[in-house]
Amino acid sequence: MLTSSRCHLRKILITPVTCHCYNRVQDKVVIITGSSSGIGFFTALDLAKKGAVVYLGCRNCKAGEEAASKLRRISGNQAIYFLHLDLTDFSSVHLFVEVFAKWEQKLDVLVNNAAVFHHPPGLTCDNIEITYQTNYLGVFLLTTLLLDIIQVSPAARIIFVSSEAHKLVSLEDLFLFRPRHLRELGTFSDHVKIYGISKLAIHLFAQHLTETFPGVLVALVDPGNVWTPIYRHSWKSWSDTLIWMRCYVFMRGVEEGAQSTVHALNAPHLMSGKYINSHLDSEDQQIYGAVAVQQFIADSAVLAGLPQGLLL
């Protein structure tokens, strides 16, 4: 009730952004990560209603199964499946890809949606900073392992859910970042910075994919400022109550936040390498130096346990 009231109030104040593209995902095989709630769930719901074959990649098994069941019930589409995927565990990523390859012969679209923000400091079981592995390195490994089956599809798409936060950090910040070092995150700004670094890493990876695999359409999308469970670790003290209330009222709802991803899934003349902003306009993303990108990809491959020449 509270959430619906908030959405109603925002709609009165601001006209919601909506994608009006025709359905171009019917019968497409789609993987979407982080899809048990938030933007991912509403993207999956849109896909389900349009007749896609949808695989939900989620860390929480109970939430993933419940989401798949709910999506089948709401949409009437029975081709909605849950597969366990924990991006903070490289072995889980490998297992996910192995299981998916046994079920499907092709993958038309990979939607890399899962992310964390303001997560308590920590290292994963792979000894990588948890935000960086969830938002980038796990995504890097997943996408790389799926590239062969993605290229089977004649009109494949890889979509990365990004953020304007990638503009708040620099290449220097990214290259100075030490993924195996446990950082002290004492302020909200510290969390914003590490989140921005993880998203900037995605942009370098997307550029590499765009240049290396011209037969695959690569897009980055910005959902805007969206009230989702990603903020579950934020603004918990009484002193943050005013900030919490302001964000709760004026941030987008998850359905509106999903529209940039929905647009990337259905837009007919989208060019590879584009960045779709929160108003659904396509922008040219910043181009980074080839040497810097290649070095970054090589470093990422080492951290993810992949052969260095795999993506070069």
Protein backbone atom coordinates (compact mmCIF):
# COMPACT_ATOMS: atom_id res chain seq x y z
CA MET A 1 0.00 0.00 0.00
CA LEU A 2 2.80 2.40 0.94
CA THR A 3 4.73 1.65 -2.25
CA SER A 4 1.68 2.12 -4.49
CA SER A 5 0.92 5.44 -2.77
CA ARG A 6 4.49 6.59 -3.36
CA CYS A 7 4.30 5.66 -7.05
CA HIS A 8 0.95 7.44 -7.39
CA LEU A 9 2.39 10.60 -5.82
CA ARG A 10 5.40 10.56 -8.13
CA LYS A 11 3.19 10.08 -11.20
CA ILE A 12 1.29 13.21 -10.19
CA LEU A 13 4.54 15.17 -9.90
CA ILE A 14 6.48 13.68 -12.84
CA THR A 15 5.34 11.97 -16.05
CA PRO A 16 6.78 8.43 -16.03
CA VAL A 17 9.12 7.30 -18.80
CA THR A 18 7.70 4.41 -20.87
CA CYS A 19 9.10 2.38 -23.77
CA HIS A 20 6.60 2.11 -26.64
CA CYS A 21 8.61 -0.20 -28.92
CA TYR A 22 6.89 -3.14 -30.58
CA ASN A 23 7.48 -6.60 -29.18
CA ARG A 24 10.75 -7.95 -30.57
CA VAL A 25 11.47 -10.57 -27.92
CA GLN A 26 8.76 -13.16 -28.57
CA ASP A 27 10.27 -16.67 -28.54
CA LYS A 28 13.73 -15.22 -27.78
CA VAL A 29 15.83 -17.02 -25.16
CA VAL A 30 16.85 -14.50 -22.51
CA ILE A 31 18.92 -14.68 -19.34
CA ILE A 32 18.40 -11.89 -16.82
CA THR A 33 20.44 -11.72 -13.64
CA GLY A 34 19.24 -10.30 -10.34
CA SER A 35 15.64 -10.86 -11.37
CA SER A 36 13.88 -11.96 -8.18
CA SER A 37 13.02 -8.35 -7.29
CA GLY A 38 13.42 -4.74 -8.34
CA ILE A 39 14.23 -3.69 -11.90
CA GLY A 40 15.19 -7.23 -12.85
CA PHE A 41 11.83 -8.64 -11.85
CA PHE A 42 9.85 -6.06 -13.83
CA THR A 43 12.10 -6.55 -16.84
CA ALA A 44 11.48 -10.29 -16.58
CA LEU A 45 7.74 -9.64 -16.27
CA ASP A 46 7.77 -7.58 -19.47
CA LEU A 47 9.68 -10.36 -21.23
CA ALA A 48 7.29 -13.01 -19.92
CA LYS A 49 4.23 -11.09 -21.09
CA LYS A 50 5.78 -10.73 -24.55
CA GLY A 51 6.36 -14.46 -24.92
CA ALA A 52 10.10 -14.77 -24.36
CA VAL A 53 11.78 -17.83 -22.86
CA VAL A 54 13.21 -16.37 -19.66
CA TYR A 55 15.90 -17.70 -17.34
CA LEU A 56 16.17 -15.94 -13.99
CA GLY A 57 19.70 -15.98 -12.61
CA CYS A 58 19.39 -15.30 -8.87
CA ARG A 59 21.53 -15.89 -5.78
CA ASN A 60 18.68 -16.60 -3.36
CA CYS A 61 17.11 -19.93 -4.37
CA LYS A 62 13.84 -19.41 -2.50
CA ALA A 63 13.35 -15.90 -3.90
CA GLY A 64 14.29 -17.08 -7.40
CA GLU A 65 11.83 -19.99 -7.38
CA GLU A 66 9.07 -17.75 -6.02
CA ALA A 67 9.77 -15.10 -8.65
CA ALA A 68 9.63 -17.65 -11.47
CA SER A 69 6.35 -19.05 -10.12
CA LYS A 70 4.85 -15.58 -9.78
CA LEU A 71 5.92 -14.60 -13.30
CA ARG A 72 4.37 -17.76 -14.77
CA ARG A 73 1.14 -17.08 -12.89
CA ILE A 74 0.86 -13.40 -13.82
CA SER A 75 1.92 -13.70 -17.47
CA GLY A 76 0.49 -17.11 -18.33
CA ASN A 77 3.89 -17.86 -19.90
CA GLN A 78 5.15 -21.20 -18.61
CA ALA A 79 8.62 -20.83 -20.17
CA ILE A 80 10.01 -19.01 -17.14
CA TYR A 81 12.83 -20.82 -15.34
CA PHE A 82 15.07 -20.22 -12.35
CA LEU A 83 18.74 -21.17 -12.26
CA HIS A 84 20.93 -20.50 -9.26
CA LEU A 85 23.62 -17.88 -9.87
CA ASP A 86 25.88 -16.31 -7.27
CA LEU A 87 28.16 -13.73 -8.87
CA THR A 88 30.25 -13.57 -5.70
CA ASP A 89 31.37 -17.16 -6.34
CA PHE A 90 33.17 -17.92 -9.61
CA SER A 91 32.41 -21.64 -9.27
CA SER A 92 28.68 -20.79 -9.19
CA VAL A 93 29.05 -18.80 -12.42
CA HIS A 94 30.76 -21.76 -14.14
CA LEU A 95 28.03 -24.14 -12.94
CA PHE A 96 25.27 -21.78 -14.11
CA VAL A 97 26.74 -21.70 -17.62
CA GLU A 98 27.17 -25.49 -17.70
CA VAL A 99 23.54 -26.10 -16.67
CA PHE A 100 22.17 -23.49 -19.09
CA ALA A 101 24.14 -25.01 -22.00
CA LYS A 102 22.49 -28.37 -21.30
CA TRP A 103 19.04 -26.78 -21.57
CA GLU A 104 19.48 -24.42 -24.52
CA GLN A 105 21.38 -24.43 -27.82
CA LYS A 106 21.45 -20.65 -28.17
CA LEU A 107 21.12 -17.45 -26.16
CA ASP A 108 19.49 -14.47 -27.86
CA VAL A 109 19.88 -11.93 -25.06
CA LEU A 110 21.94 -11.67 -21.89
CA VAL A 111 20.75 -8.97 -19.50
CA ASN A 112 23.40 -8.26 -16.88
CA ASN A 113 21.17 -6.58 -14.31
CA ALA A 114 22.34 -7.84 -10.90
CA ALA A 115 24.26 -5.37 -8.72
CA VAL A 116 24.81 -4.30 -5.12
CA PHE A 117 25.30 -0.87 -3.58
CA HIS A 118 26.34 0.30 -0.11
CA HIS A 119 27.17 -3.30 0.74
CA PRO A 120 29.06 -3.88 4.01
CA PRO A 121 32.82 -4.18 3.32
CA GLY A 122 34.08 -7.68 2.66
CA LEU A 123 35.86 -10.07 0.33
CA THR A 124 34.18 -12.90 -1.57
CA CYS A 125 35.19 -16.55 -1.40
CA ASP A 126 37.38 -15.74 -4.43
CA ASN A 127 39.20 -13.08 -2.36
CA ILE A 128 37.75 -10.17 -4.39
CA GLU A 129 36.10 -7.04 -2.99
CA ILE A 130 32.40 -7.95 -2.89
CA THR A 131 30.89 -4.96 -4.72
CA TYR A 132 33.48 -5.18 -7.48
CA GLN A 133 32.96 -8.90 -8.03
CA THR A 134 29.16 -8.71 -7.93
CA ASN A 135 28.89 -5.71 -10.22
CA TYR A 136 31.78 -6.39 -12.57
CA LEU A 137 34.08 -9.42 -12.28
CA GLY A 138 31.26 -11.94 -11.88
CA VAL A 139 29.52 -10.27 -14.84
CA PHE A 140 32.76 -10.35 -16.84
CA LEU A 141 33.15 -14.08 -16.20
CA LEU A 142 29.50 -14.90 -16.90
CA THR A 143 29.44 -12.97 -20.18
CA THR A 144 32.76 -14.40 -21.34
CA LEU A 145 31.72 -17.99 -20.66
CA LEU A 146 28.44 -17.44 -22.54
CA LEU A 147 29.99 -15.79 -25.62
CA ASP A 148 30.09 -18.97 -27.72
CA ILE A 149 26.41 -19.77 -27.21
CA ILE A 150 25.48 -16.08 -27.60
CA GLN A 151 27.14 -15.96 -31.03
CA VAL A 152 24.93 -18.83 -32.23
CA SER A 153 22.02 -16.37 -32.35
CA PRO A 154 21.96 -14.24 -35.53
CA ALA A 155 20.66 -11.18 -33.66
CA ALA A 156 22.17 -11.56 -30.22
CA ARG A 157 22.23 -8.75 -27.66
CA ILE A 158 24.21 -8.21 -24.47
CA ILE A 159 22.74 -5.57 -22.20
CA PHE A 160 24.52 -4.10 -19.20
CA VAL A 161 22.55 -2.16 -16.60
CA SER A 162 24.89 0.70 -15.80
CA SER A 163 24.54 3.94 -13.84
CA GLU A 164 25.44 7.60 -14.09
CA ALA A 165 27.75 6.81 -11.16
CA HIS A 166 30.35 5.65 -13.70
CA LYS A 167 30.83 9.32 -14.57
CA LEU A 168 31.75 10.20 -10.97
CA VAL A 169 35.05 8.30 -11.14
CA SER A 170 38.03 8.33 -13.49
CA LEU A 171 40.17 5.80 -15.32
CA GLU A 172 42.85 6.57 -12.76
CA ASP A 173 40.43 5.58 -9.98
CA LEU A 174 39.74 2.31 -11.78
CA PHE A 175 43.39 1.42 -12.42
CA LEU A 176 44.45 2.35 -8.90
CA PHE A 177 41.70 0.19 -7.41
CA ARG A 178 42.98 -3.05 -5.85
CA PRO A 179 40.26 -5.73 -6.09
CA ARG A 180 41.94 -8.05 -3.58
CA HIS A 181 42.31 -5.33 -0.96
CA LEU A 182 39.66 -4.99 1.75
CA ARG A 183 38.74 -1.32 1.78
CA GLU A 184 37.37 0.69 4.66
CA LEU A 185 34.08 2.24 3.54
CA GLY A 186 33.34 4.79 6.22
CA THR A 187 31.12 7.22 4.33
CA PHE A 188 28.30 7.17 1.82
CA SER A 189 30.69 8.78 -0.68
CA ASP A 190 33.07 5.83 -0.28
CA HIS A 191 30.26 3.46 -1.30
CA VAL A 192 29.33 5.67 -4.26
CA LYS A 193 32.95 5.66 -5.43
CA ILE A 194 33.40 1.89 -5.33
CA TYR A 195 30.01 1.46 -7.03
CA GLY A 196 31.07 3.94 -9.72
CA ILE A 197 34.36 2.09 -10.22
CA SER A 198 32.50 -1.19 -10.76
CA LYS A 199 30.23 0.46 -13.32
CA LEU A 200 33.11 2.16 -15.14
CA ALA A 201 34.70 -1.29 -15.40
CA ILE A 202 31.53 -2.48 -17.14
CA HIS A 203 31.88 0.34 -19.69
CA LEU A 204 35.42 -0.69 -20.59
CA PHE A 205 34.29 -4.31 -20.94
CA ALA A 206 31.34 -3.25 -23.10
CA GLN A 207 33.67 -1.27 -25.37
CA HIS A 208 35.91 -4.31 -25.73
CA LEU A 209 32.97 -6.55 -26.64
CA THR A 210 31.64 -4.00 -29.14
CA GLU A 211 34.98 -3.80 -30.92
CA THR A 212 35.80 -7.52 -30.74
CA PHE A 213 32.41 -9.10 -31.52
CA PRO A 214 30.72 -6.99 -34.24
CA GLY A 215 28.00 -9.63 -34.72
CA VAL A 216 26.67 -9.08 -31.21
CA LEU A 217 24.78 -5.92 -30.27
CA VAL A 218 26.12 -4.52 -27.00
CA ALA A 219 24.18 -1.86 -25.10
CA LEU A 220 24.51 -0.11 -21.75
CA VAL A 221 21.44 1.30 -20.03
CA ASP A 222 20.88 3.77 -17.22
CA PRO A 223 17.67 3.10 -15.24
CA GLY A 224 17.85 6.47 -13.47
CA ASN A 225 17.50 6.89 -9.72
CA VAL A 226 15.23 4.00 -8.78
CA TRP A 227 13.89 2.93 -5.38
CA THR A 228 14.82 -0.76 -5.27
CA PRO A 229 16.16 -3.29 -2.73
CA ILE A 230 19.67 -2.21 -3.80
CA TYR A 231 19.32 0.50 -1.12
CA ARG A 232 18.56 -1.97 1.67
CA HIS A 233 21.86 -1.12 3.39
CA SER A 234 21.45 2.66 3.03
CA TRP A 235 20.09 5.40 5.30
CA LYS A 236 19.41 3.25 8.35
CA SER A 237 20.11 5.76 11.12
CA TRP A 238 17.57 8.23 12.48
CA SER A 239 19.71 11.11 11.20
CA ASP A 240 19.16 9.81 7.66
CA THR A 241 15.35 9.73 7.95
CA LEU A 242 14.82 12.91 5.92
CA ILE A 243 17.10 11.67 3.13
CA TRP A 244 15.30 8.30 3.14
CA MET A 245 11.87 9.97 2.86
CA ARG A 246 12.99 12.29 0.07
CA CYS A 247 14.46 9.41 -1.95
CA TYR A 248 11.43 7.22 -1.26
CA VAL A 249 9.05 9.85 -2.65
CA PHE A 250 11.01 11.20 -5.59
CA MET A 251 12.96 8.20 -6.90
CA ARG A 252 11.49 6.19 -9.75
CA GLY A 253 9.54 3.01 -9.13
CA VAL A 254 11.03 -0.25 -10.37
CA GLU A 255 8.64 -0.55 -13.32
CA GLU A 256 9.75 2.83 -14.66
CA GLY A 257 13.36 1.99 -13.85
CA ALA A 258 13.09 -1.10 -16.05
CA GLN A 259 12.10 0.91 -19.13
CA SER A 260 15.62 1.60 -20.40
CA THR A 261 16.34 -2.14 -20.33
CA VAL A 262 12.99 -2.89 -22.00
CA HIS A 263 13.94 -0.34 -24.67
CA ALA A 264 17.33 -1.99 -25.24
CA LEU A 265 15.56 -5.33 -25.62
CA ASN A 266 13.03 -4.11 -28.19
CA ALA A 267 14.45 -1.04 -30.00
CA PRO A 268 14.63 -1.87 -33.74
CA HIS A 269 17.54 0.28 -34.93
CA LEU A 270 19.78 0.33 -31.88
CA MET A 271 23.48 0.47 -32.72
CA SER A 272 26.06 -1.54 -30.79
CA GLY A 273 28.03 0.34 -28.17
CA LYS A 274 25.31 2.85 -27.37
CA TYR A 275 24.42 4.06 -23.89
CA ILE A 276 20.66 4.42 -23.37
CA ASN A 277 20.02 7.09 -20.77
CA SER A 278 17.16 7.20 -18.29
CA HIS A 279 15.00 9.12 -20.81
CA LEU A 280 15.48 6.33 -23.40
CA ASP A 281 17.73 8.46 -25.61
CA SER A 282 20.75 6.75 -27.19
CA GLU A 283 24.10 8.37 -26.45
CA ASP A 284 27.58 7.63 -27.72
CA GLN A 285 29.51 6.32 -24.77
CA GLN A 286 32.98 7.66 -24.07
CA ILE A 287 35.67 5.80 -25.99
CA TYR A 288 38.65 4.71 -23.92
CA GLY A 289 42.17 4.12 -25.21
CA ALA A 290 42.73 0.74 -26.84
CA VAL A 291 45.88 -0.02 -24.83
CA ALA A 292 44.17 0.79 -21.53
CA VAL A 293 41.13 -1.34 -22.43
CA GLN A 294 43.23 -4.32 -23.51
CA GLN A 295 45.33 -4.16 -20.36
CA PHE A 296 42.22 -3.92 -18.21
CA ILE A 297 40.60 -6.92 -19.92
CA ALA A 298 43.80 -8.95 -19.50
CA ASP A 299 43.91 -8.06 -15.80
CA SER A 300 40.23 -8.99 -15.43
CA ALA A 301 40.85 -12.37 -17.06
CA VAL A 302 43.61 -13.12 -14.54
CA LEU A 303 41.40 -12.15 -11.59
CA ALA A 304 38.54 -14.30 -12.93
CA GLY A 305 40.83 -17.27 -13.54
CA LEU A 306 40.53 -17.20 -17.33
CA PRO A 307 43.27 -17.60 -19.94
CA GLN A 308 44.64 -14.12 -20.70
CA GLY A 309 44.28 -14.49 -24.46
CA LEU A 310 40.65 -15.59 -24.37
CA LEU A 311 39.17 -12.16 -25.09
CA LEU A 312 42.11 -10.46 -26.80
